[in-house]
Protein backbone atom coordinates (compact mmCIF):
# COMPACT_ATOMS: atom_id res chain seq x y z
CA UNK A 1 5.91 1.96 1.77
CA UNK A 2 2.26 2.15 3.08
CA UNK A 3 -0.04 4.88 4.05
CA UNK A 4 -2.94 4.32 6.72
CA UNK A 5 -5.76 6.73 6.73
CA UNK A 6 -8.12 6.76 10.59
CA UNK A 7 -11.51 6.84 9.99
CA UNK A 8 -12.38 8.31 13.94
CA UNK A 9 -15.70 9.08 13.57
CA UNK A 10 -16.43 6.13 16.40
CA UNK A 11 -13.33 7.20 18.31
CA UNK A 12 -10.14 6.06 18.82
CA UNK A 13 -8.58 3.09 21.28
CA UNK A 14 -5.14 1.42 21.91
CA UNK A 15 -7.69 -2.10 20.93
CA UNK A 16 -9.72 -0.38 18.11
CA UNK A 17 -6.20 0.24 16.59
CA UNK A 18 -4.86 -3.00 16.57
CA UNK A 19 -8.18 -4.70 15.83
CA UNK A 20 -8.29 -2.49 12.59
CA UNK A 21 -4.70 -3.32 11.28
CA UNK A 22 -4.37 -6.64 12.21
CA UNK A 23 -7.65 -7.04 9.58
CA UNK A 24 -5.44 -5.10 6.96
CA UNK A 25 -3.92 -8.63 6.97
CA UNK A 26 -1.49 -9.84 9.76
CA UNK A 27 -2.46 -12.99 11.19
CA UNK A 28 -3.22 -12.87 14.74
CA UNK A 29 -1.13 -16.02 15.69
CA UNK A 30 2.25 -14.41 14.48
CA UNK A 31 0.62 -10.91 17.14
CA UNK A 32 0.53 -13.02 19.27
CA UNK A 33 3.83 -14.83 19.22
CA UNK A 34 5.75 -11.34 18.85
CA UNK A 35 3.68 -9.84 21.71
CA UNK A 36 4.90 -12.72 24.15
CA UNK A 37 8.39 -11.23 23.37
CA UNK A 38 7.42 -8.34 26.25
CA UNK A 39 7.07 -11.27 28.62
CA UNK A 40 3.95 -9.86 29.87
CA UNK A 41 1.47 -12.46 31.86
CA UNK A 42 -1.41 -11.37 29.39
CA UNK A 43 -3.63 -13.14 27.47
CA UNK A 44 -4.49 -12.33 23.70
CA UNK A 45 -7.48 -12.88 21.78
CA UNK A 46 -8.60 -11.92 18.23
CA UNK A 47 -12.59 -12.60 17.28
CA UNK A 48 -14.96 -11.65 14.85
CA UNK A 49 -17.63 -9.70 16.35
CA UNK A 50 -20.77 -6.85 15.27
CA UNK A 51 -20.93 -3.42 15.76
CA UNK A 52 -24.07 -1.40 14.78
CA UNK A 53 -24.58 -4.14 12.02
CA UNK A 54 -20.55 -3.49 10.84
CA UNK A 55 -18.27 -6.89 11.37
CA UNK A 56 -14.92 -5.58 12.67
CA UNK A 57 -11.63 -7.48 14.70
CA UNK A 58 -12.05 -7.20 17.86
CA UNK A 59 -8.38 -7.68 19.91
CA UNK A 60 -9.12 -8.46 23.47
CA UNK A 61 -6.05 -8.06 26.24
CA UNK A 62 -6.83 -10.35 29.60
CA UNK A 63 -4.24 -9.33 32.30
CA UNK A 64 -3.63 -12.13 34.54
CA UNK A 65 -2.90 -10.34 37.89
CA UNK A 66 -4.68 -9.02 40.34
CA UNK A 67 -3.13 -6.09 41.85
CA UNK A 68 -2.78 -3.54 39.00
CA UNK A 69 0.75 -2.00 37.99
CA UNK A 70 2.11 1.28 38.12
CA UNK A 71 4.92 2.38 35.50
CA UNK A 72 7.26 5.53 35.16
CA UNK A 73 8.11 6.35 31.78
CA UNK A 74 11.97 4.79 32.70
CA UNK A 75 10.16 1.44 33.66
CA UNK A 76 7.86 1.31 30.39
CA UNK A 77 11.19 2.63 28.19
CA UNK A 78 13.60 -0.27 29.32
CA UNK A 79 11.24 -2.94 28.96
CA UNK A 80 10.79 -2.10 25.52
CA UNK A 81 14.47 -1.38 24.85
CA UNK A 82 15.14 -4.88 26.47
CA UNK A 83 12.90 -6.60 23.61
CA UNK A 84 13.60 -8.27 20.41
CA UNK A 85 11.46 -5.80 18.62
CA UNK A 86 13.19 -3.43 15.38
CA UNK A 87 14.82 -0.17 16.59
CA UNK A 88 12.36 1.41 14.44
CA UNK A 89 9.28 -0.69 16.45
CA UNK A 90 11.43 0.36 19.76
CA UNK A 91 11.88 4.12 18.72
CA UNK A 92 8.31 4.34 17.85
CA UNK A 93 6.77 2.98 21.12
CA UNK A 94 8.80 5.13 23.05
CA UNK A 95 7.63 8.12 21.51
CA UNK A 96 3.78 7.31 21.55
CA UNK A 97 4.81 6.47 25.38
CA UNK A 98 6.74 9.74 25.90
CA UNK A 99 3.97 11.61 24.49
CA UNK A 100 1.35 10.22 26.90
CA UNK A 101 3.91 10.95 30.10
CA UNK A 102 4.59 14.33 29.27
CA UNK A 103 0.54 14.90 29.17
CA UNK A 104 -0.25 13.15 32.41
CA UNK A 105 2.48 14.97 34.03
CA UNK A 106 0.95 18.17 33.17
CA UNK A 107 -2.47 17.51 33.83
CA UNK A 108 -1.37 16.13 37.04
CA UNK A 109 1.20 18.68 37.73
CA UNK A 110 3.84 16.44 38.87
CA UNK A 111 7.70 15.92 37.53
CA UNK A 112 7.52 13.72 34.61
CA UNK A 113 10.28 11.27 36.13
CA UNK A 114 7.68 10.73 38.61
CA UNK A 115 4.27 10.75 36.95
CA UNK A 116 3.09 7.27 37.07
CA UNK A 117 0.60 5.78 34.51
CA UNK A 118 -2.37 3.91 35.63
CA UNK A 119 -5.30 2.53 33.12
CA UNK A 120 -2.61 3.66 30.61
CA UNK A 121 0.42 1.99 32.35
CA UNK A 122 -0.89 -1.05 32.54
CA UNK A 123 -0.06 -4.32 30.56
CA UNK A 124 -2.43 -4.28 28.02
CA UNK A 125 -1.44 -0.52 27.27
CA UNK A 126 2.06 -2.14 26.61
CA UNK A 127 0.50 -4.73 24.21
CA UNK A 128 -1.42 -1.85 22.49
CA UNK A 129 1.24 0.38 21.90
CA UNK A 130 4.20 -1.87 20.93
CA UNK A 131 1.56 -3.54 18.93
CA UNK A 132 0.60 -0.88 17.05
CA UNK A 133 4.26 0.11 16.48
CA UNK A 134 5.19 -3.52 14.82
CA UNK A 135 2.05 -4.22 12.81
CA UNK A 136 2.82 -0.64 11.40
CA UNK A 137 6.27 -2.25 10.45
CA UNK A 138 4.45 -6.04 9.22
CA UNK A 139 2.24 -4.15 7.00
CA UNK A 140 5.00 -1.48 5.59
CA UNK A 141 2.84 1.06 6.75
CA UNK A 142 5.04 4.88 7.33
CA UNK A 143 2.91 7.35 6.78
CA UNK A 144 -0.87 7.91 9.18
CA UNK A 145 -3.00 10.10 8.42
CA UNK A 146 -6.76 10.53 10.41
CA UNK A 147 -10.41 12.19 9.84
CA UNK A 148 -11.17 14.69 13.07
CA UNK A 149 -11.88 12.68 16.28
CA UNK A 150 -15.09 12.23 17.80
CA UNK A 151 -14.18 12.07 21.56
CA UNK A 152 -17.85 11.82 22.55
CA UNK A 153 -19.46 12.86 26.13
CA UNK A 154 -20.58 12.48 28.96
CA UNK A 155 -18.27 11.39 32.42
CA UNK A 156 -15.62 8.25 32.63
CA UNK A 157 -14.52 6.47 35.54
CA UNK A 158 -11.22 6.57 36.08
CA UNK A 159 -8.47 6.36 39.14
CA UNK A 160 -8.36 9.58 39.73
CA UNK A 161 -12.32 9.46 40.41
CA UNK A 162 -15.33 10.62 37.78
CA UNK A 163 -14.14 13.23 35.22
CA UNK A 164 -15.68 14.74 32.18
CA UNK A 165 -15.18 13.24 28.63
CA UNK A 166 -13.06 14.08 27.07
CA UNK A 167 -10.82 13.22 30.40
CA UNK A 168 -7.88 15.30 31.05
CA UNK A 169 -5.29 14.00 29.70
CA UNK A 170 -7.42 13.09 26.43
CA UNK A 171 -7.55 16.52 26.04
CA UNK A 172 -4.15 17.70 26.73
CA UNK A 173 -2.57 15.33 24.31
CA UNK A 174 -5.21 16.49 21.62
CA UNK A 175 -4.18 20.27 21.06
CA UNK A 176 -4.36 21.07 17.96
CA UNK A 177 -6.36 17.73 16.05
CA UNK A 178 -10.04 18.61 15.50
CA UNK A 179 -11.90 16.34 17.07
CA UNK A 180 -16.17 16.90 17.85
CA UNK A 181 -19.30 15.70 19.86
CA UNK A 182 -21.41 13.16 18.29
CA UNK A 183 -23.94 10.29 18.49
CA UNK A 184 -23.30 8.87 21.82
CA UNK A 185 -22.42 9.67 25.77
CA UNK A 186 -19.36 7.51 26.31
CA UNK A 187 -15.71 7.94 26.51
CA UNK A 188 -14.49 7.38 22.46
CA UNK A 189 -10.93 8.27 22.42
CA UNK A 190 -9.15 6.57 25.63
CA UNK A 191 -5.76 8.17 26.44
CA UNK A 192 -3.37 5.40 24.38
CA UNK A 193 -5.41 5.90 21.54
CA UNK A 194 -4.95 9.88 21.80
CA UNK A 195 -1.10 9.35 22.25
CA UNK A 196 -0.75 6.86 19.07
CA UNK A 197 -2.69 9.96 17.17
CA UNK A 198 -0.94 12.93 18.17
CA UNK A 199 2.49 11.02 17.77
CA UNK A 200 1.85 9.28 14.72
CA UNK A 201 -0.82 10.92 12.46
CA UNK A 202 1.30 13.47 10.01
CA UNK A 203 -2.57 15.38 9.36
CA UNK A 204 -5.83 15.09 10.27
CA UNK A 205 -8.52 16.15 7.40
CA UNK A 206 -12.02 15.50 6.52
CA UNK A 207 -12.20 12.02 4.30
CA UNK A 208 -10.03 12.99 1.25
CA UNK A 209 -9.96 11.49 -2.01
CA UNK A 210 -8.11 8.25 -1.61
CA UNK A 211 -6.78 5.32 -3.57
CA UNK A 212 -6.98 2.17 -1.64
CA UNK A 213 -6.20 -1.65 -1.88
CA UNK A 214 -7.31 -2.47 2.21
CA UNK A 215 -9.71 -1.79 4.96
CA UNK A 216 -9.58 -3.01 8.21
CA UNK A 217 -12.07 -2.79 10.71
CA UNK A 218 -11.10 -2.74 14.68
CA UNK A 219 -14.18 -2.99 17.16
CA UNK A 220 -14.29 -0.89 20.17
CA UNK A 221 -15.53 -2.76 23.89
CA UNK A 222 -18.64 -1.02 24.18
CA UNK A 223 -21.85 -2.05 21.77
CA UNK A 224 -23.97 0.89 20.61
CA UNK A 225 -27.45 0.10 19.96
CA UNK A 226 -27.86 2.22 16.25
CA UNK A 227 -24.11 3.07 16.23
CA UNK A 228 -21.54 1.05 14.92
CA UNK A 229 -18.22 1.98 17.21
CA UNK A 230 -16.02 0.77 14.81
CA UNK A 231 -12.50 2.18 13.85
CA UNK A 232 -11.97 2.19 10.21
CA UNK A 233 -8.59 2.20 8.44
CA UNK A 234 -7.74 2.81 4.54
CA UNK A 235 -4.42 1.50 3.39
CA UNK A 236 -2.73 1.60 0.32
CA UNK A 237 0.47 2.94 -2.16
CA UNK A 238 1.59 6.69 -0.04
CA UNK A 239 2.97 7.64 -3.14
CA UNK A 240 -0.58 7.98 -4.00
CA UNK A 241 -2.04 9.62 -1.14
CA UNK A 242 -2.62 13.66 -1.38
CA UNK A 243 -3.78 14.27 2.56
CA UNK A 244 -4.71 17.82 0.99
CA UNK A 245 -6.85 16.96 -2.42
CA UNK A 246 -9.78 18.60 -1.08
CA UNK A 247 -9.29 22.20 -1.97
CA UNK A 248 -10.87 25.38 -0.62
CA UNK A 249 -11.76 29.03 -2.58
CA UNK A 250 -10.23 31.69 -0.84
CA UNK A 251 -12.15 35.35 -1.89
CA UNK A 252 -11.07 38.78 -1.32
CA UNK A 253 -12.60 41.71 -3.07
CA UNK A 254 -10.71 45.32 -3.32
CA UNK A 255 -10.97 48.78 -4.38
CA UNK A 256 -7.98 50.43 -2.57
CA UNK A 257 -5.08 48.28 -3.26
CA UNK A 258 -2.59 49.37 -6.03
CA UNK A 259 -1.59 47.64 -8.68
CA UNK A 260 1.84 47.21 -7.53
CA UNK A 261 0.73 45.35 -4.51
CA UNK A 262 -1.57 43.20 -6.36
CA UNK A 263 1.29 42.09 -8.33
CA UNK A 264 3.50 41.07 -5.56
CA UNK A 265 0.66 39.75 -3.72
CA UNK A 266 0.10 37.17 -6.27
CA UNK A 267 3.66 35.91 -6.46
CA UNK A 268 3.76 35.98 -1.98
CA UNK A 269 0.35 33.70 -2.54
CA UNK A 270 2.55 30.98 -4.60
CA UNK A 271 5.07 31.14 -1.87
CA UNK A 272 2.92 30.65 0.80
CA UNK A 273 1.91 27.35 -1.19
CA UNK A 274 -1.34 28.48 -2.93
CA UNK A 275 -2.60 26.49 -6.04
CA UNK A 276 -3.95 29.07 -8.08
CA UNK A 277 -4.16 32.90 -7.47
CA UNK A 278 -5.75 34.65 -10.15
CA UNK A 279 -7.26 38.46 -10.10
CA UNK A 280 -10.04 40.63 -11.78
CA UNK A 281 -11.62 42.96 -12.53
CA UNK A 282 -15.40 44.06 -10.60
CA UNK A 283 -18.08 46.11 -9.74
CA UNK A 284 -18.54 46.39 -6.16
CA UNK A 285 -21.14 49.15 -4.47
CA UNK A 286 -21.61 52.25 -5.11
CA UNK A 287 -20.46 51.50 -8.57
CA UNK A 288 -16.78 51.51 -7.34
CA UNK A 289 -14.45 49.76 -9.61
CA UNK A 290 -12.50 46.93 -7.55
CA UNK A 291 -10.84 44.01 -8.00
CA UNK A 292 -11.26 40.46 -7.02
CA UNK A 293 -8.69 37.99 -5.60
CA UNK A 294 -9.28 34.62 -5.83
CA UNK A 295 -6.86 31.66 -4.16
CA UNK A 296 -6.63 28.28 -4.53
CA UNK A 297 -5.53 26.12 -1.60
CA UNK A 298 -5.21 22.88 0.01
CA UNK A 299 -6.70 22.78 3.30
CA UNK A 300 -3.21 22.72 5.27
CA UNK A 301 -2.18 25.90 3.23
CA UNK A 302 -5.18 28.16 3.91
CA UNK A 303 -4.66 29.34 7.32
CA UNK A 304 -1.21 30.64 6.40
CA UNK A 305 -2.85 32.18 2.68
CA UNK A 306 -6.10 33.98 4.75
CA UNK A 307 -3.13 35.43 7.01
CA UNK A 308 -1.13 36.86 4.16
CA UNK A 309 -4.14 38.55 2.69
CA UNK A 310 -5.00 40.36 5.82
CA UNK A 311 -1.18 41.25 6.17
CA UNK A 312 0.11 42.17 2.93
CA UNK A 313 -3.28 43.72 1.61
CA UNK A 314 -6.11 46.02 2.76
CA UNK A 315 -8.84 43.21 3.30
CA UNK A 316 -10.78 43.21 6.31
CA UNK A 317 -12.47 40.29 5.28
CA UNK A 318 -12.29 37.05 3.37
CA UNK A 319 -14.67 34.37 2.54
CA UNK A 320 -13.39 30.42 1.93
CA UNK A 321 -15.13 27.65 1.41
CA UNK A 322 -14.67 24.17 -0.22
CA UNK A 323 -14.48 23.00 -3.96
CA UNK A 324 -13.81 20.19 -5.76
CA UNK A 325 -11.94 19.52 -8.67
CA UNK A 326 -10.43 16.84 -11.07
CA UNK A 327 -6.70 16.99 -12.04
CA UNK A 328 -5.05 14.84 -15.26
CA UNK A 329 -2.08 13.15 -14.10
CA UNK A 330 0.93 14.98 -14.39
CA UNK A 331 4.29 13.91 -14.65
CA UNK A 332 7.68 15.96 -16.05
CA UNK A 333 10.14 14.67 -18.94
CA UNK A 334 13.74 17.25 -19.79
CA UNK A 335 14.83 18.01 -23.35
CA UNK A 336 17.70 19.70 -24.61
CA UNK A 337 16.55 23.28 -27.09
CA UNK A 338 19.37 25.62 -27.98
CA UNK A 339 21.68 24.40 -25.72
CA UNK A 340 19.27 24.84 -22.56
CA UNK A 341 17.22 22.08 -20.42
CA UNK A 342 13.89 22.45 -20.94
CA UNK A 343 11.10 20.73 -18.43
CA UNK A 344 8.04 19.93 -20.38
CA UNK A 345 4.71 18.98 -18.30
CA UNK A 346 3.52 15.74 -19.26
CA UNK A 347 -0.81 14.82 -18.52
CA UNK A 348 -2.41 12.01 -19.06
CA UNK A 349 -6.21 10.58 -18.80
CA UNK A 350 -6.49 7.22 -18.25
CA UNK A 351 -3.12 6.25 -19.59
CA UNK A 352 -3.41 8.26 -22.40
CA UNK A 353 -1.41 11.61 -23.05
CA UNK A 354 -3.58 14.43 -23.61
CA UNK A 355 -1.77 17.75 -22.96
CA UNK A 356 2.24 18.73 -24.05
CA UNK A 357 3.62 21.72 -22.54
CA UNK A 358 6.86 23.06 -22.01
CA UNK A 359 8.41 24.81 -18.77
CA UNK A 360 7.69 28.61 -19.29
CA UNK A 361 10.32 29.74 -17.24
CA UNK A 362 12.57 27.25 -19.30
CA UNK A 363 11.88 28.66 -22.64
CA UNK A 364 11.72 32.29 -21.51
CA UNK A 365 15.72 31.57 -20.18
CA UNK A 366 16.31 29.77 -23.99
CA UNK A 367 14.68 32.11 -26.20
CA UNK A 368 16.88 35.05 -23.98
CA UNK A 369 20.15 33.23 -24.33
CA UNK A 370 19.69 32.22 -27.89
CA UNK A 371 17.70 35.40 -28.92
CA UNK A 372 14.87 33.26 -30.94
CA UNK A 373 11.93 34.00 -30.59
CA UNK A 374 10.08 32.14 -27.19
CA UNK A 375 7.26 30.82 -29.88
CA UNK A 376 10.20 29.22 -31.63
CA UNK A 377 11.70 27.54 -28.90
CA UNK A 378 8.18 26.50 -27.33
CA UNK A 379 7.79 24.75 -30.62
CA UNK A 380 11.11 23.12 -30.76
CA UNK A 381 10.27 21.99 -27.01
CA UNK A 382 6.97 20.52 -27.89
CA UNK A 383 8.70 19.15 -31.30
CA UNK A 384 11.58 17.20 -29.29
CA UNK A 385 10.04 15.83 -27.24
CA UNK A 386 7.57 13.64 -29.41
CA UNK A 387 10.79 12.98 -31.16
CA UNK A 388 12.25 11.45 -28.32
CA UNK A 389 9.41 9.11 -27.65
């Protein structure tokens, strides 16, 4: 299974998503042939363009009808389910459209089943959303991630009149998603792009440490001077992707916490997902002795850990900042020692084993059951691992 990480520094729209995914290695002819199964009056073209000095694939969907189509969710769902795409593609496309209709219903104060979509409900949006679901399956992408999204600024003309950027439906769809505005006065995230992101993206994080084998570039419609209006997508083996590899250090200094409370909190911190937790003595203001609590946390666990600090310690403030780290590749093996199973953590550097460490809790249990010294059990576990190699 593959992952896809979207760099949303130029926003996200349906045609940009199509261009970026196609650019990962799907033949445009195959895409056009499969989209023809929707039986829509559209012409689809893919061409290479330049945006701000970068080459990218631009997907154009020309609708062969003069009047604008309005569809309810039931209309869209019926059209998708009657198509010949796989069940997974249909489910993914319907989920994106459902999210889109729910947002439109909320911002316009209408009932869900009565809501009609204009721009996002037209034929080209069906190509964008169903096409995105099809390309994800064709490329073997099972997990989507993204950076914070640049929504742009200014005003945009819609069927509901002139609206501020981000327009209401986009703002509704992006609740809980990290967004910002930079560089250009224009709408950079469209309702279709926002619905795709809100439905498919598992987590949003600033450009993390990636191991990828392909990069796709999808061009937006506008060519802004000095600004690359391009959505980049990075793809690779999902097993090698860690959205939370960027980590944060959280610190608090305490001079009024009991040792028992601090000992308990260390265990609580690991339950909340801390990567590491330590206590160290410090001298605080007025020469008072205190304790510095230090936690290491992935970005997606930071808020929960800070809340735990406030809830379970006397701290009234914490410091946090991003840090870089390097970790060795690790795998786990098992050996039998004194009639018990002991886990072995093996760390490698450049494919060579550099550290072999038995799991402490397993060794303690084996020591207790066999009534043999802990250090002897640990030595036997390492010796047994090398014997089995």
